[in-house]
Amino acid sequence: IQNAFLDGFRNSNSTHTIQNPQFLNNGRYPYYFLNPNANPVHTGNTYTGNVINRIALEGGQYPWDRTLTNDNVPYLALNDIIMAQYAGHSKLTLDPGVILEFAVGKKLQLGYGSSSGGDLYAVGTAGSQITLRPFNGVAGGWEGIYFTDQNDNWSGTSTMKYCTIEKGNLYNINCENSGQPSME
């Protein structure tokens, strides 16, 4: 999948499978998830020579569980990712080795308002850590991870192991009246 003026592959509302193609020399992103409904299975792909060599995530509110797999290139959240399910909790799972970067001023938020919970399950390994950081690489370049007061309602739990969270603006992690996450 190569040489597009902008994006190699745009996905707006699909759960298809993409395994082992090459994304080469596209003018912007090799792969762009245009909204939270895009949830394809993608593994073993090669990403080379794309202008912004990241899997782009539009962001938004995710009222269902989502897993980001390690597919040999970082993810880039262009807007806030808000894990929030009304009267329940949606869970974001980050597989070992995932790098999740955020555009300036954007954050990962768990829970929303007074009635929606959200979980984070980010369990890496000693040899394959999970990293959350700003795309621009500058201290203060993103807004960090925000665990709202409601994130752990409805039996929500968040776990973080072998993670690097760095270069947040006011904070890297903010827990508002929450017993979450457990960290190791």
C-alpha atoms as a PDB file:
ATOM      1  CA  ILE A   1       0.000   0.000   0.000  1.00  0.00           C
ATOM      2  CA  GLN A   2       2.166   2.815  -1.288  1.00  0.00           C
ATOM      3  CA  ASN A   3       2.686   6.289  -2.717  1.00  0.00           C
ATOM      4  CA  ALA A   4      -0.661   7.885  -1.780  1.00  0.00           C
ATOM      5  CA  PHE A   5      -0.666  11.664  -1.789  1.00  0.00           C
ATOM      6  CA  LEU A   6      -2.028  11.557   1.794  1.00  0.00           C
ATOM      7  CA  ASP A   7      -2.890   8.309   3.610  1.00  0.00           C
ATOM      8  CA  GLY A   8      -2.119   4.750   2.595  1.00  0.00           C
ATOM      9  CA  PHE A   9      -5.271   3.260   4.154  1.00  0.00           C
ATOM     10  CA  ARG A  10      -8.196   5.040   5.804  1.00  0.00           C
ATOM     11  CA  ASN A  11     -10.556   3.078   7.998  1.00  0.00           C
ATOM     12  CA  SER A  12     -13.795   4.617   9.247  1.00  0.00           C
ATOM     13  CA  ASN A  13     -15.980   1.779  10.521  1.00  0.00           C
ATOM     14  CA  SER A  14     -14.497  -1.599   9.899  1.00  0.00           C
ATOM     15  CA  THR A  15     -13.274  -4.681  11.692  1.00  0.00           C
ATOM     16  CA  HIS A  16     -11.393  -6.272   8.777  1.00  0.00           C
ATOM     17  CA  THR A  17      -8.009  -7.968   9.054  1.00  0.00           C
ATOM     18  CA  ILE A  18      -4.768  -6.606   7.583  1.00  0.00           C
ATOM     19  CA  GLN A  19      -1.773  -8.867   8.067  1.00  0.00           C
ATOM     20  CA  ASN A  20       1.703  -8.575   6.559  1.00  0.00           C
ATOM     21  CA  PRO A  21       1.353  -5.861   3.886  1.00  0.00           C
ATOM     22  CA  GLN A  22       3.876  -3.086   3.444  1.00  0.00           C
ATOM     23  CA  PHE A  23       2.872   0.564   3.870  1.00  0.00           C
ATOM     24  CA  LEU A  24       5.453   2.490   1.831  1.00  0.00           C
ATOM     25  CA  ASN A  25       6.108   6.155   1.026  1.00  0.00           C
ATOM     26  CA  ASN A  26       2.636   7.568   1.690  1.00  0.00           C
ATOM     27  CA  GLY A  27       2.342  11.351   1.913  1.00  0.00           C
ATOM     28  CA  ARG A  28       1.041  11.463   5.479  1.00  0.00           C
ATOM     29  CA  TYR A  29      -0.008   8.421   7.549  1.00  0.00           C
ATOM     30  CA  PRO A  30       0.358   4.818   6.450  1.00  0.00           C
ATOM     31  CA  TYR A  31      -2.827   3.877   8.321  1.00  0.00           C
ATOM     32  CA  TYR A  32      -5.519   6.249   9.667  1.00  0.00           C
ATOM     33  CA  PHE A  33      -8.394   5.197  11.942  1.00  0.00           C
ATOM     34  CA  LEU A  34     -10.895   7.953  11.143  1.00  0.00           C
ATOM     35  CA  ASN A  35     -13.150   7.429  14.195  1.00  0.00           C
ATOM     36  CA  PRO A  36     -13.519   5.231  17.304  1.00  0.00           C
ATOM     37  CA  ASN A  37     -15.583   2.687  15.337  1.00  0.00           C
ATOM     38  CA  ALA A  38     -12.539   1.638  13.291  1.00  0.00           C
ATOM     39  CA  ASN A  39     -11.240  -1.519  14.928  1.00  0.00           C
ATOM     40  CA  PRO A  40      -9.324  -3.667  12.433  1.00  0.00           C
ATOM     41  CA  VAL A  41      -7.025  -6.528  13.302  1.00  0.00           C
ATOM     42  CA  HIS A  42      -3.578  -5.532  12.069  1.00  0.00           C
ATOM     43  CA  THR A  43      -0.365  -7.449  12.719  1.00  0.00           C
ATOM     44  CA  GLY A  44       2.990  -8.109  11.089  1.00  0.00           C
ATOM     45  CA  ASN A  45       2.857  -5.054   8.855  1.00  0.00           C
ATOM     46  CA  THR A  46       5.843  -3.071   7.592  1.00  0.00           C
ATOM     47  CA  TYR A  47       5.834   0.747   7.687  1.00  0.00           C
ATOM     48  CA  THR A  48       8.618   2.474   5.739  1.00  0.00           C
ATOM     49  CA  GLY A  49       9.134   5.940   4.265  1.00  0.00           C
ATOM     50  CA  ASN A  50       5.725   7.395   5.184  1.00  0.00           C
ATOM     51  CA  VAL A  51       5.927  11.117   5.980  1.00  0.00           C
ATOM     52  CA  ILE A  52       4.377  10.618   9.447  1.00  0.00           C
ATOM     53  CA  ASN A  53       5.221   6.986  10.087  1.00  0.00           C
ATOM     54  CA  ARG A  54       2.506   6.421  12.723  1.00  0.00           C
ATOM     55  CA  ILE A  55      -0.873   4.706  12.890  1.00  0.00           C
ATOM     56  CA  ALA A  56      -3.156   7.728  13.309  1.00  0.00           C
ATOM     57  CA  LEU A  57      -6.077   7.524  15.750  1.00  0.00           C
ATOM     58  CA  GLU A  58      -8.732  10.222  15.411  1.00  0.00           C
ATOM     59  CA  GLY A  59      -9.615   9.761  19.094  1.00  0.00           C
ATOM     60  CA  GLY A  60     -12.965  10.501  20.676  1.00  0.00           C
ATOM     61  CA  GLN A  61     -15.122   8.630  23.178  1.00  0.00           C
ATOM     62  CA  TYR A  62     -14.830   4.835  23.251  1.00  0.00           C
ATOM     63  CA  PRO A  63     -17.872   3.282  24.984  1.00  0.00           C
ATOM     64  CA  TRP A  64     -16.565  -0.253  24.292  1.00  0.00           C
ATOM     65  CA  ASP A  65     -13.335  -2.144  24.917  1.00  0.00           C
ATOM     66  CA  ARG A  66     -10.430  -1.505  22.588  1.00  0.00           C
ATOM     67  CA  THR A  67      -6.993  -3.133  22.216  1.00  0.00           C
ATOM     68  CA  LEU A  68      -3.971  -1.492  20.588  1.00  0.00           C
ATOM     69  CA  THR A  69      -1.586  -4.168  19.330  1.00  0.00           C
ATOM     70  CA  ASN A  70       2.123  -3.773  18.781  1.00  0.00           C
ATOM     71  CA  ASP A  71       2.412  -3.558  14.988  1.00  0.00           C
ATOM     72  CA  ASN A  72       5.988  -2.297  14.541  1.00  0.00           C
ATOM     73  CA  VAL A  73       5.153   1.444  14.532  1.00  0.00           C
ATOM     74  CA  PRO A  74       3.864   3.933  17.142  1.00  0.00           C
ATOM     75  CA  TYR A  75       0.260   5.111  17.359  1.00  0.00           C
ATOM     76  CA  LEU A  76      -0.547   8.837  17.236  1.00  0.00           C
ATOM     77  CA  ALA A  77      -3.691  10.114  18.981  1.00  0.00           C
ATOM     78  CA  LEU A  78      -4.768  13.277  17.154  1.00  0.00           C
ATOM     79  CA  ASN A  79      -7.444  14.107  19.767  1.00  0.00           C
ATOM     80  CA  ASP A  80      -8.279  13.023  23.310  1.00  0.00           C
ATOM     81  CA  ILE A  81      -8.949   9.330  23.791  1.00  0.00           C
ATOM     82  CA  ILE A  82     -11.765   9.037  26.337  1.00  0.00           C
ATOM     83  CA  MET A  83     -12.572   5.574  27.650  1.00  0.00           C
ATOM     84  CA  ALA A  84     -16.106   5.950  29.040  1.00  0.00           C
ATOM     85  CA  GLN A  85     -19.133   3.688  29.078  1.00  0.00           C
ATOM     86  CA  TYR A  86     -22.435   4.856  30.533  1.00  0.00           C
ATOM     87  CA  ALA A  87     -23.270   2.964  33.770  1.00  0.00           C
ATOM     88  CA  GLY A  88     -20.275   0.697  33.126  1.00  0.00           C
ATOM     89  CA  HIS A  89     -16.651   0.851  32.096  1.00  0.00           C
ATOM     90  CA  SER A  90     -14.875   0.402  28.781  1.00  0.00           C
ATOM     91  CA  LYS A  91     -11.293  -0.824  28.841  1.00  0.00           C
ATOM     92  CA  LEU A  92      -8.298   0.254  26.769  1.00  0.00           C
ATOM     93  CA  THR A  93      -5.724  -2.546  26.552  1.00  0.00           C
ATOM     94  CA  LEU A  94      -2.200  -1.684  25.411  1.00  0.00           C
ATOM     95  CA  ASP A  95      -0.188  -4.739  24.402  1.00  0.00           C
ATOM     96  CA  PRO A  96       3.507  -5.065  25.332  1.00  0.00           C
ATOM     97  CA  GLY A  97       5.730  -2.855  23.190  1.00  0.00           C
ATOM     98  CA  VAL A  98       2.995  -0.391  22.195  1.00  0.00           C
ATOM     99  CA  ILE A  99       4.079   3.233  21.860  1.00  0.00           C
ATOM    100  CA  LEU A 100       1.142   5.635  22.086  1.00  0.00           C
ATOM    101  CA  GLU A 101       1.936   9.265  21.278  1.00  0.00           C
ATOM    102  CA  PHE A 102      -0.374  12.256  21.609  1.00  0.00           C
ATOM    103  CA  ALA A 103      -0.714  15.500  19.680  1.00  0.00           C
ATOM    104  CA  VAL A 104      -0.085  18.736  21.592  1.00  0.00           C
ATOM    105  CA  GLY A 105      -2.772  19.396  24.210  1.00  0.00           C
ATOM    106  CA  LYS A 106      -4.339  15.914  23.968  1.00  0.00           C
ATOM    107  CA  LYS A 107      -4.728  13.271  26.686  1.00  0.00           C
ATOM    108  CA  LEU A 108      -5.876   9.791  27.628  1.00  0.00           C
ATOM    109  CA  GLN A 109      -8.912  10.058  29.929  1.00  0.00           C
ATOM    110  CA  LEU A 110     -10.469   7.227  31.917  1.00  0.00           C
ATOM    111  CA  GLY A 111     -14.119   7.880  32.828  1.00  0.00           C
ATOM    112  CA  TYR A 112     -16.329  10.833  31.987  1.00  0.00           C
ATOM    113  CA  GLY A 113     -18.858  12.939  33.865  1.00  0.00           C
ATOM    114  CA  SER A 114     -20.772  11.447  36.757  1.00  0.00           C
ATOM    115  CA  SER A 115     -21.973   8.224  35.157  1.00  0.00           C
ATOM    116  CA  SER A 116     -19.328   6.706  32.845  1.00  0.00           C
ATOM    117  CA  GLY A 117     -16.339   4.602  33.857  1.00  0.00           C
ATOM    118  CA  GLY A 118     -13.195   3.644  31.979  1.00  0.00           C
ATOM    119  CA  ASP A 119     -10.233   1.332  32.551  1.00  0.00           C
ATOM    120  CA  LEU A 120      -6.644   1.114  31.354  1.00  0.00           C
ATOM    121  CA  TYR A 121      -4.879  -2.239  31.133  1.00  0.00           C
ATOM    122  CA  ALA A 122      -1.274  -1.508  30.139  1.00  0.00           C
ATOM    123  CA  VAL A 123       0.884  -4.481  31.056  1.00  0.00           C
ATOM    124  CA  GLY A 124       4.229  -4.625  29.324  1.00  0.00           C
ATOM    125  CA  THR A 125       7.243  -6.792  30.082  1.00  0.00           C
ATOM    126  CA  ALA A 126      10.806  -5.994  31.118  1.00  0.00           C
ATOM    127  CA  GLY A 127      11.928  -6.468  27.504  1.00  0.00           C
ATOM    128  CA  SER A 128       8.862  -4.904  25.863  1.00  0.00           C
ATOM    129  CA  GLN A 129       7.704  -1.854  27.785  1.00  0.00           C
ATOM    130  CA  ILE A 130       4.667   0.283  26.957  1.00  0.00           C
ATOM    131  CA  THR A 131       5.343   3.990  26.347  1.00  0.00           C
ATOM    132  CA  LEU A 132       2.949   6.968  26.446  1.00  0.00           C
ATOM    133  CA  ARG A 133       4.483  10.285  25.388  1.00  0.00           C
ATOM    134  CA  PRO A 134       4.022  13.413  23.245  1.00  0.00           C
ATOM    135  CA  PHE A 135       4.447  13.140  19.489  1.00  0.00           C
ATOM    136  CA  ASN A 136       6.601  16.278  19.427  1.00  0.00           C
ATOM    137  CA  GLY A 137       9.030  14.841  22.025  1.00  0.00           C
ATOM    138  CA  VAL A 138       8.942  18.043  24.096  1.00  0.00           C
ATOM    139  CA  ALA A 139       8.313  18.150  27.861  1.00  0.00           C
ATOM    140  CA  GLY A 140       4.780  19.511  28.250  1.00  0.00           C
ATOM    141  CA  GLY A 141       3.870  18.220  24.784  1.00  0.00           C
ATOM    142  CA  TRP A 142       0.703  16.371  25.859  1.00  0.00           C
ATOM    143  CA  GLU A 143      -1.781  16.435  28.736  1.00  0.00           C
ATOM    144  CA  GLY A 144      -0.999  13.042  30.312  1.00  0.00           C
ATOM    145  CA  ILE A 145      -3.314  10.325  31.656  1.00  0.00           C
ATOM    146  CA  TYR A 146      -6.359  11.521  33.593  1.00  0.00           C
ATOM    147  CA  PHE A 147      -8.194   9.089  35.884  1.00  0.00           C
ATOM    148  CA  THR A 148     -11.467  10.899  36.637  1.00  0.00           C
ATOM    149  CA  ASP A 149     -13.380  10.526  39.885  1.00  0.00           C
ATOM    150  CA  GLN A 150     -15.788   8.137  38.114  1.00  0.00           C
ATOM    151  CA  ASN A 151     -13.264   5.900  36.343  1.00  0.00           C
ATOM    152  CA  ASP A 152     -13.443   3.088  38.901  1.00  0.00           C
ATOM    153  CA  ASN A 153     -17.205   3.033  39.397  1.00  0.00           C
ATOM    154  CA  TRP A 154     -19.044  -0.117  38.334  1.00  0.00           C
ATOM    155  CA  SER A 155     -16.104  -2.286  39.500  1.00  0.00           C
ATOM    156  CA  GLY A 156     -13.619  -0.685  37.117  1.00  0.00           C
ATOM    157  CA  THR A 157      -9.938  -1.493  37.607  1.00  0.00           C
ATOM    158  CA  SER A 158      -6.814  -0.201  35.892  1.00  0.00           C
ATOM    159  CA  THR A 159      -3.393  -1.832  35.897  1.00  0.00           C
ATOM    160  CA  MET A 160      -0.066  -0.494  34.688  1.00  0.00           C
ATOM    161  CA  LYS A 161       3.163  -2.540  34.662  1.00  0.00           C
ATOM    162  CA  TYR A 162       6.402  -1.915  32.791  1.00  0.00           C
ATOM    163  CA  CYS A 163       5.188   1.412  31.443  1.00  0.00           C
ATOM    164  CA  THR A 164       6.995   4.653  30.702  1.00  0.00           C
ATOM    165  CA  ILE A 165       4.788   7.745  30.892  1.00  0.00           C
ATOM    166  CA  GLU A 166       6.722  10.895  30.097  1.00  0.00           C
ATOM    167  CA  LYS A 167       6.780  14.577  29.238  1.00  0.00           C
ATOM    168  CA  GLY A 168       3.239  15.533  30.296  1.00  0.00           C
ATOM    169  CA  ASN A 169       2.233  19.168  30.642  1.00  0.00           C
ATOM    170  CA  LEU A 170       0.918  19.714  34.188  1.00  0.00           C
ATOM    171  CA  TYR A 171       1.226  16.016  35.026  1.00  0.00           C
ATOM    172  CA  ASN A 172       1.991  12.618  33.571  1.00  0.00           C
ATOM    173  CA  ILE A 173      -0.765  10.899  35.599  1.00  0.00           C
ATOM    174  CA  ASN A 174      -3.607  12.588  37.492  1.00  0.00           C
ATOM    175  CA  CYS A 175      -5.874  10.483  39.736  1.00  0.00           C
ATOM    176  CA  GLU A 176      -8.925  12.414  40.932  1.00  0.00           C
ATOM    177  CA  ASN A 177     -10.407  10.775  44.065  1.00  0.00           C
ATOM    178  CA  SER A 178      -9.656   7.380  42.572  1.00  0.00           C
ATOM    179  CA  GLY A 179      -8.108   4.169  43.840  1.00  0.00           C
ATOM    180  CA  GLN A 180      -6.874   3.459  40.324  1.00  0.00           C
ATOM    181  CA  PRO A 181      -4.521   2.539  38.783  1.00  0.00           C
ATOM    182  CA  SER A 182      -2.514  -0.195  40.450  1.00  0.00           C
ATOM    183  CA  MET A 183       1.084   0.274  39.323  1.00  0.00           C
ATOM    184  CA  GLU A 184       4.078  -1.988  39.344  1.00  0.00           C
END
